Amino acid sequence: MKPNWASISGNVDLSNNQIALLPSPLSQAAPIPAELIPRAVVRSNLQFAQGTISLEVKLPEPDAQCLIGLNVEQGGELYAGLNNFGALYGLAIWRDGQWKCLAGSGYGGTLERERWYNLTLSVRGSTLELHVDGVKVTSAARQIQKGPVNLVLQGGGQVIVRNVEIESRPDQCFIVMQFTDEYNALYREVIRPTCEAFGYKVSRSDDIYTTGLIINDITQSIQDASIVIADITPNNPNVFYEVGYAHGIGKTTILLSDKKRERVPFDVSGFRTLFYDNTIAGKSEVEARLKRHLEGIAA
């Protein structure tokens, strides 16, 4: 989908289906003091958390900058693009007036001036990948909250961006649980409809239909998910393996347990767990509590 843009700061031309940073009158001088190098920020009308953002950009000089900004107004804004935090291709966080590098590549290299680069940022679950001209150049793990997309352009000459496409995909919610009748009923009657009401695409491992190894499919589904919901009532080793994997990669995880379980294992005892009675009234209670958790994640 093609977004509309508004200038937040700096001097830009938004005509002719492109975004152009207008050069400074000092552009003929060499070198321009760093504090006077023109910089602009534009913001889209589209909300984004998962999917792909692609564009073409032409830089007037090798050290000019083009960054895609996510988590805007959420705190800890993420910026991905060209000439970012000392890397030709970089992912970095801007928080409380300071930069923190997440990942980068191309250190010591130089970009070509007046050449069109194809830039694509992919977000699947908490996995971010930056591609340049179809080549994956760097990646990192970071949870992205839904918000508008920013573009940051900086350079002594005219930085031009065109053909911006923002393709969103639904947030994924992966469910981890034992496949027996009582848990299947909880899944069908409570977990799935509650999550779908919040816009999540919900799946379990029995929804995966591939010819590959099931464990690879499960770990990929956990990576792609925005959140993981796991019922840890029975001592099912597969469930705890998948919960451990989700925790290990920093995935937002909600644990559920029937109150009939006397205690949860020590390794997960520090995580917040929603306890429920597997009755009609109990299902209504866990539905209400799950809604509150999902509202907190969305806030």
C-alpha atoms as a PDB file:
ATOM      1  CA  MET A   1       0.000   0.000   0.000  1.00  0.00           C
ATOM      2  CA  LYS A   2       1.270   3.461  -0.874  1.00  0.00           C
ATOM      3  CA  PRO A   3       1.268   5.812   2.137  1.00  0.00           C
ATOM      4  CA  ASN A   4       0.669   9.527   2.379  1.00  0.00           C
ATOM      5  CA  TRP A   5       3.363  11.648   4.033  1.00  0.00           C
ATOM      6  CA  ALA A   6       3.583  14.801   6.109  1.00  0.00           C
ATOM      7  CA  SER A   7       6.732  16.729   7.005  1.00  0.00           C
ATOM      8  CA  ILE A   8       7.535  16.636  10.723  1.00  0.00           C
ATOM      9  CA  SER A   9      10.768  18.598  10.484  1.00  0.00           C
ATOM     10  CA  GLY A  10      13.175  19.853   7.852  1.00  0.00           C
ATOM     11  CA  ASN A  11      12.683  21.101   4.299  1.00  0.00           C
ATOM     12  CA  VAL A  12      11.264  18.485   1.929  1.00  0.00           C
ATOM     13  CA  ASP A  13       9.472  18.380  -1.403  1.00  0.00           C
ATOM     14  CA  LEU A  14       6.579  15.859  -1.417  1.00  0.00           C
ATOM     15  CA  SER A  15       5.544  16.345  -5.041  1.00  0.00           C
ATOM     16  CA  ASN A  16       5.885  14.031  -8.063  1.00  0.00           C
ATOM     17  CA  ASN A  17       5.228  10.883  -5.959  1.00  0.00           C
ATOM     18  CA  GLN A  18       8.566  11.165  -4.231  1.00  0.00           C
ATOM     19  CA  ILE A  19      10.132  12.553  -1.070  1.00  0.00           C
ATOM     20  CA  ALA A  20      13.103  14.833  -1.623  1.00  0.00           C
ATOM     21  CA  LEU A  21      15.286  16.454   1.004  1.00  0.00           C
ATOM     22  CA  LEU A  22      16.004  19.929  -0.311  1.00  0.00           C
ATOM     23  CA  PRO A  23      19.681  20.929  -0.242  1.00  0.00           C
ATOM     24  CA  SER A  24      20.938  23.760   1.889  1.00  0.00           C
ATOM     25  CA  PRO A  25      22.239  27.001   0.350  1.00  0.00           C
ATOM     26  CA  LEU A  26      25.519  25.958   1.950  1.00  0.00           C
ATOM     27  CA  SER A  27      25.610  22.794  -0.177  1.00  0.00           C
ATOM     28  CA  GLN A  28      28.128  24.384  -2.524  1.00  0.00           C
ATOM     29  CA  ALA A  29      30.513  24.888   0.358  1.00  0.00           C
ATOM     30  CA  ALA A  30      32.826  22.060   1.338  1.00  0.00           C
ATOM     31  CA  PRO A  31      32.715  20.747   3.898  1.00  0.00           C
ATOM     32  CA  ILE A  32      29.388  21.668   5.508  1.00  0.00           C
ATOM     33  CA  PRO A  33      29.591  21.779   9.316  1.00  0.00           C
ATOM     34  CA  ALA A  34      27.930  18.653  10.725  1.00  0.00           C
ATOM     35  CA  GLU A  35      25.365  20.679  12.682  1.00  0.00           C
ATOM     36  CA  LEU A  36      24.258  22.444   9.473  1.00  0.00           C
ATOM     37  CA  ILE A  37      23.800  19.362   7.258  1.00  0.00           C
ATOM     38  CA  PRO A  38      20.130  19.364   6.191  1.00  0.00           C
ATOM     39  CA  ARG A  39      17.953  16.765   7.919  1.00  0.00           C
ATOM     40  CA  ALA A  40      14.261  16.029   7.544  1.00  0.00           C
ATOM     41  CA  VAL A  41      11.709  13.705   9.118  1.00  0.00           C
ATOM     42  CA  VAL A  42       8.473  12.721   7.338  1.00  0.00           C
ATOM     43  CA  ARG A  43       5.678  10.579   8.778  1.00  0.00           C
ATOM     44  CA  SER A  44       3.201   8.248   7.102  1.00  0.00           C
ATOM     45  CA  ASN A  45      -0.541   7.970   7.640  1.00  0.00           C
ATOM     46  CA  LEU A  46      -0.349   4.138   7.843  1.00  0.00           C
ATOM     47  CA  GLN A  47      -0.009   2.144  11.058  1.00  0.00           C
ATOM     48  CA  PHE A  48       2.610  -0.618  10.975  1.00  0.00           C
ATOM     49  CA  ALA A  49       3.894  -3.366  13.278  1.00  0.00           C
ATOM     50  CA  GLN A  50       4.380  -6.460  11.093  1.00  0.00           C
ATOM     51  CA  GLY A  51       5.144  -6.903   7.409  1.00  0.00           C
ATOM     52  CA  THR A  52       7.502  -5.183   4.974  1.00  0.00           C
ATOM     53  CA  ILE A  53       8.452  -1.638   4.082  1.00  0.00           C
ATOM     54  CA  SER A  54      10.237  -1.132   0.778  1.00  0.00           C
ATOM     55  CA  LEU A  55      11.523   1.925  -1.046  1.00  0.00           C
ATOM     56  CA  GLU A  56      14.095   3.209  -3.504  1.00  0.00           C
ATOM     57  CA  VAL A  57      16.554   5.881  -2.417  1.00  0.00           C
ATOM     58  CA  LYS A  58      19.229   7.915  -4.186  1.00  0.00           C
ATOM     59  CA  LEU A  59      21.980   9.546  -2.133  1.00  0.00           C
ATOM     60  CA  PRO A  60      23.786  12.729  -3.238  1.00  0.00           C
ATOM     61  CA  GLU A  61      26.998  11.715  -1.471  1.00  0.00           C
ATOM     62  CA  PRO A  62      28.336   8.475   0.066  1.00  0.00           C
ATOM     63  CA  ASP A  63      27.722   9.558   3.668  1.00  0.00           C
ATOM     64  CA  ALA A  64      24.124  10.767   3.186  1.00  0.00           C
ATOM     65  CA  GLN A  65      21.515   8.977   5.265  1.00  0.00           C
ATOM     66  CA  CYS A  66      18.145   7.308   4.718  1.00  0.00           C
ATOM     67  CA  LEU A  67      16.466   5.600   7.692  1.00  0.00           C
ATOM     68  CA  ILE A  68      13.118   3.896   8.249  1.00  0.00           C
ATOM     69  CA  GLY A  69      11.734   4.596  11.730  1.00  0.00           C
ATOM     70  CA  LEU A  70       9.394   2.275  13.689  1.00  0.00           C
ATOM     71  CA  ASN A  71       7.994   2.288  17.234  1.00  0.00           C
ATOM     72  CA  VAL A  72       7.343   5.981  16.688  1.00  0.00           C
ATOM     73  CA  GLU A  73       5.909   7.628  19.835  1.00  0.00           C
ATOM     74  CA  GLN A  74       6.194   4.293  21.672  1.00  0.00           C
ATOM     75  CA  GLY A  75       9.550   4.893  23.336  1.00  0.00           C
ATOM     76  CA  GLY A  76      12.734   3.281  22.094  1.00  0.00           C
ATOM     77  CA  GLU A  77      12.271   4.200  18.427  1.00  0.00           C
ATOM     78  CA  LEU A  78      13.967   1.827  15.991  1.00  0.00           C
ATOM     79  CA  TYR A  79      15.735   3.131  12.879  1.00  0.00           C
ATOM     80  CA  ALA A  80      16.972   0.945  10.040  1.00  0.00           C
ATOM     81  CA  GLY A  81      18.719   1.946   6.856  1.00  0.00           C
ATOM     82  CA  LEU A  82      21.770   3.373   5.157  1.00  0.00           C
ATOM     83  CA  ASN A  83      24.647   5.025   7.041  1.00  0.00           C
ATOM     84  CA  ASN A  84      23.214   4.282  10.453  1.00  0.00           C
ATOM     85  CA  PHE A  85      25.298   4.435  13.631  1.00  0.00           C
ATOM     86  CA  GLY A  86      28.610   4.096  11.786  1.00  0.00           C
ATOM     87  CA  ALA A  87      27.500   1.168   9.602  1.00  0.00           C
ATOM     88  CA  LEU A  88      26.634   1.263   5.912  1.00  0.00           C
ATOM     89  CA  TYR A  89      23.604  -0.867   6.783  1.00  0.00           C
ATOM     90  CA  GLY A  90      22.429  -0.592  10.366  1.00  0.00           C
ATOM     91  CA  LEU A  91      19.683  -1.086  12.953  1.00  0.00           C
ATOM     92  CA  ALA A  92      19.748   1.225  15.966  1.00  0.00           C
ATOM     93  CA  ILE A  93      17.537   2.396  18.841  1.00  0.00           C
ATOM     94  CA  TRP A  94      16.954   6.040  19.749  1.00  0.00           C
ATOM     95  CA  ARG A  95      15.878   6.386  23.386  1.00  0.00           C
ATOM     96  CA  ASP A  96      16.127   9.276  25.839  1.00  0.00           C
ATOM     97  CA  GLY A  97      18.351  11.281  23.530  1.00  0.00           C
ATOM     98  CA  GLN A  98      20.885   8.492  22.998  1.00  0.00           C
ATOM     99  CA  TRP A  99      21.634   5.965  20.255  1.00  0.00           C
ATOM    100  CA  LYS A 100      22.163   2.262  20.856  1.00  0.00           C
ATOM    101  CA  CYS A 101      23.370   0.002  18.058  1.00  0.00           C
ATOM    102  CA  LEU A 102      21.410  -3.227  17.510  1.00  0.00           C
ATOM    103  CA  ALA A 103      23.178  -4.598  14.439  1.00  0.00           C
ATOM    104  CA  GLY A 104      25.158  -3.415  11.461  1.00  0.00           C
ATOM    105  CA  SER A 105      27.320  -4.421   8.534  1.00  0.00           C
ATOM    106  CA  GLY A 106      29.448  -2.834   5.842  1.00  0.00           C
ATOM    107  CA  TYR A 107      31.793  -1.109   8.271  1.00  0.00           C
ATOM    108  CA  GLY A 108      34.578   0.663   6.422  1.00  0.00           C
ATOM    109  CA  GLY A 109      32.730   0.559   3.108  1.00  0.00           C
ATOM    110  CA  THR A 110      31.340   3.364   0.985  1.00  0.00           C
ATOM    111  CA  LEU A 111      27.987   3.773  -0.726  1.00  0.00           C
ATOM    112  CA  GLU A 112      27.775   5.042  -4.294  1.00  0.00           C
ATOM    113  CA  ARG A 113      26.465   8.534  -4.910  1.00  0.00           C
ATOM    114  CA  GLU A 114      23.610   9.249  -7.352  1.00  0.00           C
ATOM    115  CA  ARG A 115      22.665   5.572  -7.554  1.00  0.00           C
ATOM    116  CA  TRP A 116      19.240   4.123  -6.733  1.00  0.00           C
ATOM    117  CA  TYR A 117      19.295   1.610  -3.857  1.00  0.00           C
ATOM    118  CA  ASN A 118      16.404  -0.753  -3.142  1.00  0.00           C
ATOM    119  CA  LEU A 119      15.836  -0.835   0.618  1.00  0.00           C
ATOM    120  CA  THR A 120      13.494  -3.313   2.364  1.00  0.00           C
ATOM    121  CA  LEU A 121      12.799  -3.717   6.074  1.00  0.00           C
ATOM    122  CA  SER A 122      10.997  -6.928   7.042  1.00  0.00           C
ATOM    123  CA  VAL A 123       9.350  -7.471  10.445  1.00  0.00           C
ATOM    124  CA  ARG A 124       8.135 -10.960  11.357  1.00  0.00           C
ATOM    125  CA  GLY A 125       7.308 -11.348  15.017  1.00  0.00           C
ATOM    126  CA  SER A 126      10.329  -9.925  16.799  1.00  0.00           C
ATOM    127  CA  THR A 127      12.706 -10.667  13.898  1.00  0.00           C
ATOM    128  CA  LEU A 128      13.828  -7.674  11.854  1.00  0.00           C
ATOM    129  CA  GLU A 129      15.767  -8.030   8.612  1.00  0.00           C
ATOM    130  CA  LEU A 130      17.218  -5.292   6.445  1.00  0.00           C
ATOM    131  CA  HIS A 131      17.712  -6.028   2.749  1.00  0.00           C
ATOM    132  CA  VAL A 132      19.550  -3.871   0.210  1.00  0.00           C
ATOM    133  CA  ASP A 133      19.096  -4.653  -3.496  1.00  0.00           C
ATOM    134  CA  GLY A 134      17.552  -7.991  -2.493  1.00  0.00           C
ATOM    135  CA  VAL A 135      20.480  -8.999  -0.266  1.00  0.00           C
ATOM    136  CA  LYS A 136      19.988  -9.501   3.485  1.00  0.00           C
ATOM    137  CA  VAL A 137      22.599  -7.213   5.030  1.00  0.00           C
ATOM    138  CA  THR A 138      21.750  -7.280   8.757  1.00  0.00           C
ATOM    139  CA  SER A 139      19.131  -8.461  11.247  1.00  0.00           C
ATOM    140  CA  ALA A 140      18.166  -8.164  14.904  1.00  0.00           C
ATOM    141  CA  ALA A 141      15.475  -9.125  17.404  1.00  0.00           C
ATOM    142  CA  ARG A 142      13.124  -6.404  18.631  1.00  0.00           C
ATOM    143  CA  GLN A 143       9.433  -6.281  19.494  1.00  0.00           C
ATOM    144  CA  ILE A 144       7.677  -3.587  17.438  1.00  0.00           C
ATOM    145  CA  GLN A 145       4.521  -1.833  18.626  1.00  0.00           C
ATOM    146  CA  LYS A 146       1.980  -0.594  16.100  1.00  0.00           C
ATOM    147  CA  GLY A 147       2.458   3.018  15.059  1.00  0.00           C
ATOM    148  CA  PRO A 148       3.189   5.327  12.134  1.00  0.00           C
ATOM    149  CA  VAL A 149       6.298   4.969   9.995  1.00  0.00           C
ATOM    150  CA  ASN A 150       8.931   7.715   9.878  1.00  0.00           C
ATOM    151  CA  LEU A 151      11.547   8.374   7.225  1.00  0.00           C
ATOM    152  CA  VAL A 152      14.702  10.270   8.179  1.00  0.00           C
ATOM    153  CA  LEU A 153      16.731  11.851   5.383  1.00  0.00           C
ATOM    154  CA  GLN A 154      20.031  13.648   5.863  1.00  0.00           C
ATOM    155  CA  GLY A 155      22.679  14.899   3.455  1.00  0.00           C
ATOM    156  CA  GLY A 156      24.399  17.894   1.954  1.00  0.00           C
ATOM    157  CA  GLY A 157      22.563  17.431  -1.343  1.00  0.00           C
ATOM    158  CA  GLN A 158      19.173  16.178  -2.479  1.00  0.00           C
ATOM    159  CA  VAL A 159      18.303  12.796  -0.934  1.00  0.00           C
ATOM    160  CA  ILE A 160      15.392  11.361  -2.962  1.00  0.00           C
ATOM    161  CA  VAL A 161      13.030   8.529  -1.965  1.00  0.00           C
ATOM    162  CA  ARG A 162      10.442   7.013  -4.303  1.00  0.00           C
ATOM    163  CA  ASN A 163       8.172   3.969  -4.683  1.00  0.00           C
ATOM    164  CA  VAL A 164       7.534   3.534  -0.957  1.00  0.00           C
ATOM    165  CA  GLU A 165       5.334   0.506  -0.236  1.00  0.00           C
ATOM    166  CA  ILE A 166       4.091  -0.474   3.240  1.00  0.00           C
ATOM    167  CA  GLU A 167       2.617  -3.985   3.393  1.00  0.00           C
ATOM    168  CA  SER A 168       1.248  -4.915   6.797  1.00  0.00           C
ATOM    169  CA  ARG A 169       0.493  -8.452   7.947  1.00  0.00           C
ATOM    170  CA  PRO A 170      -1.669  -9.412  10.921  1.00  0.00           C
ATOM    171  CA  ASP A 171       0.080  -9.864  14.246  1.00  0.00           C
ATOM    172  CA  GLN A 172       0.634 -13.574  14.849  1.00  0.00           C
ATOM    173  CA  CYS A 173      -0.266 -15.359  18.091  1.00  0.00           C
ATOM    174  CA  PHE A 174       1.132 -18.871  18.526  1.00  0.00           C
ATOM    175  CA  ILE A 175      -0.549 -21.176  21.032  1.00  0.00           C
ATOM    176  CA  VAL A 176       1.417 -23.843  22.896  1.00  0.00           C
ATOM    177  CA  MET A 177      -0.567 -26.553  24.688  1.00  0.00           C
ATOM    178  CA  GLN A 178      -1.283 -30.251  24.978  1.00  0.00           C
ATOM    179  CA  PHE A 179      -3.707 -31.564  22.358  1.00  0.00           C
ATOM    180  CA  THR A 180      -6.363 -33.245  24.475  1.00  0.00           C
ATOM    181  CA  ASP A 181     -10.109 -32.569  24.623  1.00  0.00           C
ATOM    182  CA  GLU A 182     -10.147 -30.265  27.661  1.00  0.00           C
ATOM    183  CA  TYR A 183      -7.364 -28.041  26.306  1.00  0.00           C
ATOM    184  CA  ASN A 184      -8.761 -28.123  22.780  1.00  0.00           C
ATOM    185  CA  ALA A 185     -12.041 -26.799  24.184  1.00  0.00           C
ATOM    186  CA  LEU A 186     -10.231 -23.994  26.027  1.00  0.00           C
ATOM    187  CA  TYR A 187      -8.463 -23.125  22.789  1.00  0.00           C
ATOM    188  CA  ARG A 188     -11.642 -23.098  20.653  1.00  0.00           C
ATOM    189  CA  GLU A 189     -13.968 -21.433  23.157  1.00  0.00           C
ATOM    190  CA  VAL A 190     -11.696 -18.903  24.877  1.00  0.00           C
ATOM    191  CA  ILE A 191      -8.153 -18.396  23.613  1.00  0.00           C
ATOM    192  CA  ARG A 192      -8.681 -18.287  19.870  1.00  0.00           C
ATOM    193  CA  PRO A 193     -11.784 -16.027  19.762  1.00  0.00           C
ATOM    194  CA  THR A 194     -10.321 -13.672  22.385  1.00  0.00           C
ATOM    195  CA  CYS A 195      -7.063 -13.226  20.473  1.00  0.00           C
ATOM    196  CA  GLU A 196      -8.845 -12.891  17.121  1.00  0.00           C
ATOM    197  CA  ALA A 197     -10.975 -10.105  18.605  1.00  0.00           C
ATOM    198  CA  PHE A 198      -7.718  -8.182  19.120  1.00  0.00           C
ATOM    199  CA  GLY A 199      -6.736  -8.692  15.471  1.00  0.00           C
ATOM    200  CA  TYR A 200      -4.275 -11.563  15.950  1.00  0.00           C
ATOM    201  CA  LYS A 201      -3.938 -14.411  13.492  1.00  0.00           C
ATOM    202  CA  VAL A 202      -3.970 -17.432  15.814  1.00  0.00           C
ATOM    203  CA  SER A 203      -2.351 -20.813  15.198  1.00  0.00           C
ATOM    204  CA  ARG A 204      -1.092 -23.953  16.930  1.00  0.00           C
ATOM    205  CA  SER A 205       1.397 -26.527  15.739  1.00  0.00           C
ATOM    206  CA  ASP A 206      -1.457 -28.717  14.459  1.00  0.00           C
ATOM    207  CA  ASP A 207      -2.252 -25.884  12.008  1.00  0.00           C
ATOM    208  CA  ILE A 208       1.155 -26.293  10.326  1.00  0.00           C
ATOM    209  CA  TYR A 209       1.077 -28.237   7.078  1.00  0.00           C
ATOM    210  CA  THR A 210       4.554 -28.613   5.622  1.00  0.00           C
ATOM    211  CA  THR A 211       6.883 -31.447   4.663  1.00  0.00           C
ATOM    212  CA  GLY A 212       9.700 -30.150   6.875  1.00  0.00           C
ATOM    213  CA  LEU A 213      10.737 -31.131  10.378  1.00  0.00           C
ATOM    214  CA  ILE A 214       7.958 -30.251  12.819  1.00  0.00           C
ATOM    215  CA  ILE A 215      10.379 -28.781  15.382  1.00  0.00           C
ATOM    216  CA  ASN A 216      11.754 -26.412  12.738  1.00  0.00           C
ATOM    217  CA  ASP A 217       8.224 -25.363  11.832  1.00  0.00           C
ATOM    218  CA  ILE A 218       7.365 -24.758  15.494  1.00  0.00           C
ATOM    219  CA  THR A 219      10.465 -22.682  16.247  1.00  0.00           C
ATOM    220  CA  GLN A 220       9.844 -20.652  13.084  1.00  0.00           C
ATOM    221  CA  SER A 221       6.229 -20.067  14.155  1.00  0.00           C
ATOM    222  CA  ILE A 222       7.420 -18.871  17.570  1.00  0.00           C
ATOM    223  CA  GLN A 223       9.913 -16.519  15.907  1.00  0.00           C
ATOM    224  CA  ASP A 224       7.213 -15.134  13.613  1.00  0.00           C
ATOM    225  CA  ALA A 225       4.691 -14.621  16.426  1.00  0.00           C
ATOM    226  CA  SER A 226       4.157 -11.329  18.195  1.00  0.00           C
ATOM    227  CA  ILE A 227       3.065 -13.186  21.327  1.00  0.00           C
ATOM    228  CA  VAL A 228       3.046 -16.789  22.552  1.00  0.00           C
ATOM    229  CA  ILE A 229       0.310 -18.140  24.826  1.00  0.00           C
ATOM    230  CA  ALA A 230       1.116 -21.406  26.598  1.00  0.00           C
ATOM    231  CA  ASP A 231      -0.949 -23.635  28.860  1.00  0.00           C
ATOM    232  CA  ILE A 232       1.512 -25.254  31.271  1.00  0.00           C
ATOM    233  CA  THR A 233      -0.993 -27.238  33.350  1.00  0.00           C
ATOM    234  CA  PRO A 234       0.269 -30.732  32.470  1.00  0.00           C
ATOM    235  CA  ASN A 235       3.966 -31.624  32.674  1.00  0.00           C
ATOM    236  CA  ASN A 236       4.280 -31.894  28.923  1.00  0.00           C
ATOM    237  CA  PRO A 237       7.947 -31.759  27.824  1.00  0.00           C
ATOM    238  CA  ASN A 238       7.055 -30.429  24.366  1.00  0.00           C
ATOM    239  CA  VAL A 239       5.142 -27.527  25.881  1.00  0.00           C
ATOM    240  CA  PHE A 240       7.979 -26.599  28.234  1.00  0.00           C
ATOM    241  CA  TYR A 241      10.540 -26.885  25.443  1.00  0.00           C
ATOM    242  CA  GLU A 242       8.554 -24.424  23.342  1.00  0.00           C
ATOM    243  CA  VAL A 243       8.016 -22.074  26.295  1.00  0.00           C
ATOM    244  CA  GLY A 244      11.744 -22.156  27.015  1.00  0.00           C
ATOM    245  CA  TYR A 245      12.534 -21.369  23.396  1.00  0.00           C
ATOM    246  CA  ALA A 246      10.085 -18.445  23.407  1.00  0.00           C
ATOM    247  CA  HIS A 247      11.627 -17.047  26.612  1.00  0.00           C
ATOM    248  CA  GLY A 248      15.125 -17.590  25.249  1.00  0.00           C
ATOM    249  CA  ILE A 249      14.514 -15.346  22.234  1.00  0.00           C
ATOM    250  CA  GLY A 250      12.730 -12.708  24.321  1.00  0.00           C
ATOM    251  CA  LYS A 251       9.244 -13.381  23.013  1.00  0.00           C
ATOM    252  CA  THR A 252       6.275 -11.841  24.825  1.00  0.00           C
ATOM    253  CA  THR A 253       4.703 -14.868  26.525  1.00  0.00           C
ATOM    254  CA  ILE A 254       1.481 -15.374  28.479  1.00  0.00           C
ATOM    255  CA  LEU A 255       1.270 -18.512  30.636  1.00  0.00           C
ATOM    256  CA  LEU A 256      -1.976 -20.231  31.597  1.00  0.00           C
ATOM    257  CA  SER A 257      -2.504 -22.943  34.199  1.00  0.00           C
ATOM    258  CA  ASP A 258      -5.472 -24.773  35.678  1.00  0.00           C
ATOM    259  CA  LYS A 259      -5.743 -24.135  39.423  1.00  0.00           C
ATOM    260  CA  LYS A 260      -5.670 -27.889  39.967  1.00  0.00           C
ATOM    261  CA  ARG A 261      -1.919 -27.689  39.453  1.00  0.00           C
ATOM    262  CA  GLU A 262      -0.424 -27.114  42.905  1.00  0.00           C
ATOM    263  CA  ARG A 263       2.681 -25.257  41.751  1.00  0.00           C
ATOM    264  CA  VAL A 264       4.426 -24.333  38.542  1.00  0.00           C
ATOM    265  CA  PRO A 265       8.020 -25.454  37.854  1.00  0.00           C
ATOM    266  CA  PHE A 266      10.712 -23.321  39.436  1.00  0.00           C
ATOM    267  CA  ASP A 267      12.154 -22.145  36.104  1.00  0.00           C
ATOM    268  CA  VAL A 268       8.877 -20.427  35.140  1.00  0.00           C
ATOM    269  CA  SER A 269       7.651 -19.546  38.630  1.00  0.00           C
ATOM    270  CA  GLY A 270       8.883 -15.976  38.223  1.00  0.00           C
ATOM    271  CA  PHE A 271       6.686 -15.358  35.173  1.00  0.00           C
ATOM    272  CA  ARG A 272       3.151 -14.087  35.509  1.00  0.00           C
ATOM    273  CA  THR A 273       0.690 -16.941  35.086  1.00  0.00           C
ATOM    274  CA  LEU A 274      -3.082 -16.743  34.611  1.00  0.00           C
ATOM    275  CA  PHE A 275      -4.667 -19.445  36.771  1.00  0.00           C
ATOM    276  CA  TYR A 276      -8.175 -20.619  35.911  1.00  0.00           C
ATOM    277  CA  ASP A 277     -10.874 -23.141  36.748  1.00  0.00           C
ATOM    278  CA  ASN A 278     -11.724 -25.315  33.771  1.00  0.00           C
ATOM    279  CA  THR A 279     -15.449 -24.679  34.208  1.00  0.00           C
ATOM    280  CA  ILE A 280     -17.919 -22.428  32.412  1.00  0.00           C
ATOM    281  CA  ALA A 281     -17.450 -19.697  35.021  1.00  0.00           C
ATOM    282  CA  GLY A 282     -13.710 -20.289  35.081  1.00  0.00           C
ATOM    283  CA  LYS A 283     -13.468 -19.894  31.312  1.00  0.00           C
ATOM    284  CA  SER A 284     -15.265 -16.554  31.529  1.00  0.00           C
ATOM    285  CA  GLU A 285     -12.758 -15.431  34.150  1.00  0.00           C
ATOM    286  CA  VAL A 286      -9.691 -16.443  32.156  1.00  0.00           C
ATOM    287  CA  GLU A 287     -11.202 -14.788  29.079  1.00  0.00           C
ATOM    288  CA  ALA A 288     -11.549 -11.505  30.984  1.00  0.00           C
ATOM    289  CA  ARG A 289      -8.016 -11.713  32.380  1.00  0.00           C
ATOM    290  CA  LEU A 290      -6.561 -12.642  28.990  1.00  0.00           C
ATOM    291  CA  LYS A 291      -8.306  -9.602  27.486  1.00  0.00           C
ATOM    292  CA  ARG A 292      -6.675  -7.362  30.088  1.00  0.00           C
ATOM    293  CA  HIS A 293      -3.245  -8.801  29.252  1.00  0.00           C
ATOM    294  CA  LEU A 294      -3.775  -8.280  25.525  1.00  0.00           C
ATOM    295  CA  GLU A 295      -4.976  -4.721  26.157  1.00  0.00           C
ATOM    296  CA  GLY A 296      -1.797  -4.100  28.130  1.00  0.00           C
ATOM    297  CA  ILE A 297       0.334  -5.408  25.250  1.00  0.00           C
ATOM    298  CA  ALA A 298      -1.526  -3.251  22.739  1.00  0.00           C
ATOM    299  CA  ALA A 299      -1.284  -0.086  24.862  1.00  0.00           C
END
